[in-house]
């Protein structure tokens, strides 16, 4: 059951983290004036921070949902 919770959680928080990184990169492109390295570095940084924040939140929520079954 723990593997199922971990897989389900990862299938939720990984796309969240990737999406926030991509959205940051798009926003940096729209605003403009930043070098490519800054855009990519910022996108990676935002993606990692989003992963760190969303991982425990999503995992707890999925675990609570599975225990309710």
PDB file of N, CA and C in Angstrom:
ATOM      1  N   UNK A   1       0.811  -1.183   0.000  1.00  0.00           N
ATOM      2  CA  UNK A   1       0.000   0.000   0.000  1.00  0.00           C
ATOM      3  C   UNK A   1       0.869   1.267   0.000  1.00  0.00           C
ATOM      4  N   UNK A   2       2.000   1.225   0.688  1.00  0.00           N
ATOM      5  CA  UNK A   2       2.891   2.390   0.728  1.00  0.00           C
ATOM      6  C   UNK A   2       3.437   2.730  -0.659  1.00  0.00           C
ATOM      7  N   UNK A   3       3.728   1.703  -1.457  1.00  0.00           N
ATOM      8  CA  UNK A   3       4.219   1.949  -2.813  1.00  0.00           C
ATOM      9  C   UNK A   3       3.149   2.611  -3.660  1.00  0.00           C
ATOM     10  N   UNK A   4       1.909   2.193  -3.489  1.00  0.00           N
ATOM     11  CA  UNK A   4       0.819   2.800  -4.242  1.00  0.00           C
ATOM     12  C   UNK A   4       0.633   4.266  -3.858  1.00  0.00           C
ATOM     13  N   UNK A   5       0.740   4.544  -2.575  1.00  0.00           N
ATOM     14  CA  UNK A   5       0.619   5.925  -2.108  1.00  0.00           C
ATOM     15  C   UNK A   5       1.758   6.761  -2.668  1.00  0.00           C
ATOM     16  N   UNK A   6       2.974   6.217  -2.631  1.00  0.00           N
ATOM     17  CA  UNK A   6       4.138   6.949  -3.136  1.00  0.00           C
ATOM     18  C   UNK A   6       4.022   7.205  -4.639  1.00  0.00           C
ATOM     19  N   UNK A   7       3.590   6.216  -5.389  1.00  0.00           N
ATOM     20  CA  UNK A   7       3.446   6.394  -6.839  1.00  0.00           C
ATOM     21  C   UNK A   7       2.348   7.390  -7.176  1.00  0.00           C
ATOM     22  N   UNK A   8       1.243   7.292  -6.490  1.00  0.00           N
ATOM     23  CA  UNK A   8       0.132   8.213  -6.745  1.00  0.00           C
ATOM     24  C   UNK A   8       0.531   9.646  -6.375  1.00  0.00           C
ATOM     25  N   UNK A   9       1.208   9.784  -5.250  1.00  0.00           N
ATOM     26  CA  UNK A   9       1.666  11.106  -4.825  1.00  0.00           C
ATOM     27  C   UNK A   9       2.635  11.698  -5.838  1.00  0.00           C
ATOM     28  N   UNK A  10       3.591  10.888  -6.280  1.00  0.00           N
ATOM     29  CA  UNK A  10       4.574  11.370  -7.253  1.00  0.00           C
ATOM     30  C   UNK A  10       3.909  11.748  -8.572  1.00  0.00           C
ATOM     31  N   UNK A  11       2.865  11.030  -8.942  1.00  0.00           N
ATOM     32  CA  UNK A  11       2.177  11.362 -10.195  1.00  0.00           C
ATOM     33  C   UNK A  11       1.413  12.679 -10.083  1.00  0.00           C
ATOM     34  N   UNK A  12       1.275  13.194  -8.874  1.00  0.00           N
ATOM     35  CA  UNK A  12       0.606  14.481  -8.681  1.00  0.00           C
ATOM     36  C   UNK A  12       1.619  15.598  -8.473  1.00  0.00           C
ATOM     37  N   UNK A  13       2.592  15.400  -7.558  1.00  0.00           N
ATOM     38  CA  UNK A  13       3.475  16.523  -7.232  1.00  0.00           C
ATOM     39  C   UNK A  13       4.579  16.761  -8.258  1.00  0.00           C
ATOM     40  N   UNK A  14       4.974  15.777  -9.009  1.00  0.00           N
ATOM     41  CA  UNK A  14       5.986  16.018 -10.046  1.00  0.00           C
ATOM     42  C   UNK A  14       5.429  16.917 -11.163  1.00  0.00           C
ATOM     43  N   UNK A  15       4.237  16.656 -11.692  1.00  0.00           N
ATOM     44  CA  UNK A  15       3.702  17.595 -12.690  1.00  0.00           C
ATOM     45  C   UNK A  15       3.463  19.002 -12.138  1.00  0.00           C
ATOM     46  N   UNK A  16       3.105  19.101 -10.867  1.00  0.00           N
ATOM     47  CA  UNK A  16       2.936  20.423 -10.260  1.00  0.00           C
ATOM     48  C   UNK A  16       4.260  21.172 -10.286  1.00  0.00           C
ATOM     49  N   UNK A  17       5.336  20.508  -9.873  1.00  0.00           N
ATOM     50  CA  UNK A  17       6.653  21.142  -9.833  1.00  0.00           C
ATOM     51  C   UNK A  17       7.141  21.503 -11.234  1.00  0.00           C
ATOM     52  N   UNK A  18       6.961  20.599 -12.177  1.00  0.00           N
ATOM     53  CA  UNK A  18       7.375  20.894 -13.548  1.00  0.00           C
ATOM     54  C   UNK A  18       6.571  22.050 -14.142  1.00  0.00           C
ATOM     55  N   UNK A  19       5.293  22.080 -13.855  1.00  0.00           N
ATOM     56  CA  UNK A  19       4.448  23.154 -14.368  1.00  0.00           C
ATOM     57  C   UNK A  19       4.855  24.509 -13.815  1.00  0.00           C
ATOM     58  N   UNK A  20       5.172  24.564 -12.534  1.00  0.00           N
ATOM     59  CA  UNK A  20       5.577  25.847 -11.976  1.00  0.00           C
ATOM     60  C   UNK A  20       6.895  26.319 -12.570  1.00  0.00           C
ATOM     61  N   UNK A  21       7.809  25.391 -12.817  1.00  0.00           N
ATOM     62  CA  UNK A  21       9.069  25.757 -13.460  1.00  0.00           C
ATOM     63  C   UNK A  21       8.857  26.285 -14.867  1.00  0.00           C
ATOM     64  N   UNK A  22       8.000  25.622 -15.615  1.00  0.00           N
ATOM     65  CA  UNK A  22       7.709  26.064 -16.988  1.00  0.00           C
ATOM     66  C   UNK A  22       6.987  27.409 -16.974  1.00  0.00           C
ATOM     67  N   UNK A  23       6.051  27.588 -16.064  1.00  0.00           N
ATOM     68  CA  UNK A  23       5.349  28.870 -15.969  1.00  0.00           C
ATOM     69  C   UNK A  23       6.307  30.002 -15.616  1.00  0.00           C
ATOM     70  N   UNK A  24       7.267  29.721 -14.742  1.00  0.00           N
ATOM     71  CA  UNK A  24       8.269  30.733 -14.408  1.00  0.00           C
ATOM     72  C   UNK A  24       9.091  31.099 -15.635  1.00  0.00           C
ATOM     73  N   UNK A  25       9.504  30.089 -16.392  1.00  0.00           N
ATOM     74  CA  UNK A  25      10.297  30.350 -17.594  1.00  0.00           C
ATOM     75  C   UNK A  25       9.487  31.161 -18.609  1.00  0.00           C
ATOM     76  N   UNK A  26       8.219  30.842 -18.772  1.00  0.00           N
ATOM     77  CA  UNK A  26       7.366  31.606 -19.686  1.00  0.00           C
ATOM     78  C   UNK A  26       7.191  33.049 -19.214  1.00  0.00           C
ATOM     79  N   UNK A  27       6.994  33.224 -17.926  1.00  0.00           N
ATOM     80  CA  UNK A  27       6.844  34.575 -17.387  1.00  0.00           C
ATOM     81  C   UNK A  27       8.130  35.371 -17.555  1.00  0.00           C
ATOM     82  N   UNK A  28       9.265  34.728 -17.354  1.00  0.00           N
ATOM     83  CA  UNK A  28      10.553  35.418 -17.530  1.00  0.00           C
ATOM     84  C   UNK A  28      10.757  35.800 -18.992  1.00  0.00           C
ATOM     85  N   UNK A  29      10.282  34.973 -19.913  1.00  0.00           N
ATOM     86  CA  UNK A  29      10.377  35.314 -21.335  1.00  0.00           C
ATOM     87  C   UNK A  29       9.471  36.475 -21.699  1.00  0.00           C
ATOM     88  N   UNK A  30       8.281  36.503 -21.124  1.00  0.00           N
ATOM     89  CA  UNK A  30       7.344  37.575 -21.430  1.00  0.00           C
ATOM     90  C   UNK A  30       7.820  38.921 -20.899  1.00  0.00           C
ATOM     91  N   UNK A  31       8.346  38.917 -19.691  1.00  0.00           N
ATOM     92  CA  UNK A  31       8.840  40.154 -19.102  1.00  0.00           C
ATOM     93  C   UNK A  31      10.092  40.602 -19.837  1.00  0.00           C
ATOM     94  N   UNK A  32      10.959  39.648 -20.170  1.00  0.00           N
ATOM     95  CA  UNK A  32      12.147  39.930 -20.970  1.00  0.00           C
ATOM     96  C   UNK A  32      13.244  40.638 -20.206  1.00  0.00           C
ATOM     97  N   UNK A  33      14.365  40.788 -20.893  1.00  0.00           N
ATOM     98  CA  UNK A  33      15.486  41.485 -20.302  1.00  0.00           C
ATOM     99  C   UNK A  33      16.406  40.628 -19.459  1.00  0.00           C
ATOM    100  N   UNK A  34      16.119  39.343 -19.336  1.00  0.00           N
ATOM    101  CA  UNK A  34      16.947  38.463 -18.531  1.00  0.00           C
ATOM    102  C   UNK A  34      17.743  37.541 -19.440  1.00  0.00           C
ATOM    103  N   UNK A  35      18.993  37.241 -19.073  1.00  0.00           N
ATOM    104  CA  UNK A  35      19.771  36.299 -19.888  1.00  0.00           C
ATOM    105  C   UNK A  35      19.202  34.879 -19.782  1.00  0.00           C
ATOM    106  N   UNK A  36      19.529  34.062 -20.753  1.00  0.00           N
ATOM    107  CA  UNK A  36      19.006  32.693 -20.809  1.00  0.00           C
ATOM    108  C   UNK A  36      19.380  31.894 -19.557  1.00  0.00           C
ATOM    109  N   UNK A  37      20.598  32.074 -19.080  1.00  0.00           N
ATOM    110  CA  UNK A  37      21.047  31.333 -17.891  1.00  0.00           C
ATOM    111  C   UNK A  37      20.189  31.698 -16.685  1.00  0.00           C
ATOM    112  N   UNK A  38      19.839  32.959 -16.551  1.00  0.00           N
ATOM    113  CA  UNK A  38      18.997  33.387 -15.431  1.00  0.00           C
ATOM    114  C   UNK A  38      17.601  32.790 -15.547  1.00  0.00           C
ATOM    115  N   UNK A  39      17.066  32.744 -16.754  1.00  0.00           N
ATOM    116  CA  UNK A  39      15.736  32.167 -16.958  1.00  0.00           C
ATOM    117  C   UNK A  39      15.718  30.684 -16.613  1.00  0.00           C
ATOM    118  N   UNK A  40      16.711  29.960 -17.130  1.00  0.00           N
ATOM    119  CA  UNK A  40      16.769  28.522 -16.868  1.00  0.00           C
ATOM    120  C   UNK A  40      17.067  28.231 -15.404  1.00  0.00           C
ATOM    121  N   UNK A  41      18.009  28.975 -14.838  1.00  0.00           N
ATOM    122  CA  UNK A  41      18.326  28.783 -13.423  1.00  0.00           C
ATOM    123  C   UNK A  41      17.137  29.079 -12.532  1.00  0.00           C
ATOM    124  N   UNK A  42      16.415  30.150 -12.846  1.00  0.00           N
ATOM    125  CA  UNK A  42      15.223  30.479 -12.074  1.00  0.00           C
ATOM    126  C   UNK A  42      14.141  29.432 -12.213  1.00  0.00           C
ATOM    127  N   UNK A  43      13.973  28.905 -13.420  1.00  0.00           N
ATOM    128  CA  UNK A  43      12.962  27.867 -13.640  1.00  0.00           C
ATOM    129  C   UNK A  43      13.292  26.598 -12.854  1.00  0.00           C
ATOM    130  N   UNK A  44      14.560  26.228 -12.856  1.00  0.00           N
ATOM    131  CA  UNK A  44      14.980  25.043 -12.088  1.00  0.00           C
ATOM    132  C   UNK A  44      14.784  25.290 -10.596  1.00  0.00           C
ATOM    133  N   UNK A  45      15.177  26.470 -10.136  1.00  0.00           N
ATOM    134  CA  UNK A  45      15.053  26.809  -8.719  1.00  0.00           C
ATOM    135  C   UNK A  45      13.589  26.797  -8.278  1.00  0.00           C
ATOM    136  N   UNK A  46      12.726  27.414  -9.048  1.00  0.00           N
ATOM    137  CA  UNK A  46      11.300  27.454  -8.713  1.00  0.00           C
ATOM    138  C   UNK A  46      10.714  26.043  -8.757  1.00  0.00           C
ATOM    139  N   UNK A  47      11.130  25.250  -9.740  1.00  0.00           N
ATOM    140  CA  UNK A  47      10.647  23.867  -9.816  1.00  0.00           C
ATOM    141  C   UNK A  47      11.060  23.043  -8.615  1.00  0.00           C
ATOM    142  N   UNK A  48      12.317  23.193  -8.191  1.00  0.00           N
ATOM    143  CA  UNK A  48      12.793  22.449  -7.014  1.00  0.00           C
ATOM    144  C   UNK A  48      12.083  22.890  -5.739  1.00  0.00           C
ATOM    145  N   UNK A  49      11.932  24.190  -5.568  1.00  0.00           N
ATOM    146  CA  UNK A  49      11.220  24.674  -4.387  1.00  0.00           C
ATOM    147  C   UNK A  49       9.774  24.202  -4.386  1.00  0.00           C
ATOM    148  N   UNK A  50       9.153  24.201  -5.535  1.00  0.00           N
ATOM    149  CA  UNK A  50       7.784  23.719  -5.637  1.00  0.00           C
ATOM    150  C   UNK A  50       7.705  22.230  -5.295  1.00  0.00           C
ATOM    151  N   UNK A  51       8.692  21.478  -5.739  1.00  0.00           N
ATOM    152  CA  UNK A  51       8.743  20.052  -5.415  1.00  0.00           C
ATOM    153  C   UNK A  51       8.893  19.843  -3.911  1.00  0.00           C
ATOM    154  N   UNK A  52       9.771  20.620  -3.295  1.00  0.00           N
ATOM    155  CA  UNK A  52      10.002  20.495  -1.855  1.00  0.00           C
ATOM    156  C   UNK A  52       8.743  20.833  -1.063  1.00  0.00           C
ATOM    157  N   UNK A  53       8.022  21.844  -1.501  1.00  0.00           N
ATOM    158  CA  UNK A  53       6.819  22.256  -0.780  1.00  0.00           C
ATOM    159  C   UNK A  53       5.648  21.318  -1.043  1.00  0.00           C
ATOM    160  N   UNK A  54       5.470  20.918  -2.289  1.00  0.00           N
ATOM    161  CA  UNK A  54       4.288  20.124  -2.626  1.00  0.00           C
ATOM    162  C   UNK A  54       4.402  18.652  -2.231  1.00  0.00           C
ATOM    163  N   UNK A  55       5.611  18.128  -2.140  1.00  0.00           N
ATOM    164  CA  UNK A  55       5.774  16.702  -1.834  1.00  0.00           C
ATOM    165  C   UNK A  55       5.102  16.294  -0.513  1.00  0.00           C
ATOM    166  N   UNK A  56       5.401  16.920   0.606  1.00  0.00           N
ATOM    167  CA  UNK A  56       4.746  16.468   1.844  1.00  0.00           C
ATOM    168  C   UNK A  56       3.251  16.782   1.879  1.00  0.00           C
ATOM    169  N   UNK A  57       2.855  17.888   1.255  1.00  0.00           N
ATOM    170  CA  UNK A  57       1.434  18.230   1.252  1.00  0.00           C
ATOM    171  C   UNK A  57       0.617  17.214   0.464  1.00  0.00           C
ATOM    172  N   UNK A  58       1.087  16.888  -0.726  1.00  0.00           N
ATOM    173  CA  UNK A  58       0.366  15.939  -1.580  1.00  0.00           C
ATOM    174  C   UNK A  58       0.394  14.536  -0.984  1.00  0.00           C
ATOM    175  N   UNK A  59       1.551  14.130  -0.472  1.00  0.00           N
ATOM    176  CA  UNK A  59       1.667  12.786   0.098  1.00  0.00           C
ATOM    177  C   UNK A  59       0.729  12.615   1.286  1.00  0.00           C
ATOM    178  N   UNK A  60       0.648  13.614   2.144  1.00  0.00           N
ATOM    179  CA  UNK A  60      -0.262  13.525   3.291  1.00  0.00           C
ATOM    180  C   UNK A  60      -1.711  13.446   2.835  1.00  0.00           C
ATOM    181  N   UNK A  61      -2.043  14.221   1.816  1.00  0.00           N
ATOM    182  CA  UNK A  61      -3.418  14.224   1.311  1.00  0.00           C
ATOM    183  C   UNK A  61      -3.780  12.879   0.673  1.00  0.00           C
ATOM    184  N   UNK A  62      -2.855  12.322  -0.105  1.00  0.00           N
ATOM    185  CA  UNK A  62      -3.108  11.028  -0.749  1.00  0.00           C
ATOM    186  C   UNK A  62      -3.193   9.926   0.299  1.00  0.00           C
ATOM    187  N   UNK A  63      -2.320   9.973   1.300  1.00  0.00           N
ATOM    188  CA  UNK A  63      -2.349   8.958   2.358  1.00  0.00           C
ATOM    189  C   UNK A  63      -3.670   9.022   3.132  1.00  0.00           C
ATOM    190  N   UNK A  64      -4.133  10.233   3.405  1.00  0.00           N
ATOM    191  CA  UNK A  64      -5.405  10.396   4.103  1.00  0.00           C
ATOM    192  C   UNK A  64      -6.554   9.852   3.255  1.00  0.00           C
ATOM    193  N   UNK A  65      -6.491  10.093   1.953  1.00  0.00           N
ATOM    194  CA  UNK A  65      -7.531   9.600   1.060  1.00  0.00           C
ATOM    195  C   UNK A  65      -7.529   8.061   1.018  1.00  0.00           C
ATOM    196  N   UNK A  66      -6.347   7.450   0.939  1.00  0.00           N
ATOM    197  CA  UNK A  66      -6.250   5.989   0.865  1.00  0.00           C
ATOM    198  C   UNK A  66      -6.653   5.327   2.175  1.00  0.00           C
ATOM    199  N   UNK A  67      -6.388   5.976   3.304  1.00  0.00           N
ATOM    200  CA  UNK A  67      -6.765   5.387   4.580  1.00  0.00           C
ATOM    201  C   UNK A  67      -8.276   5.458   4.800  1.00  0.00           C
ATOM    202  N   UNK A  68      -8.916   6.396   4.133  1.00  0.00           N
ATOM    203  CA  UNK A  68     -10.362   6.517   4.243  1.00  0.00           C
ATOM    204  C   UNK A  68     -11.110   5.438   3.497  1.00  0.00           C
ATOM    205  N   UNK A  69     -10.410   4.724   2.628  1.00  0.00           N
ATOM    206  CA  UNK A  69     -11.061   3.663   1.837  1.00  0.00           C
ATOM    207  C   UNK A  69     -11.282   2.417   2.626  1.00  0.00           C
TER     208      UNK A  69
END
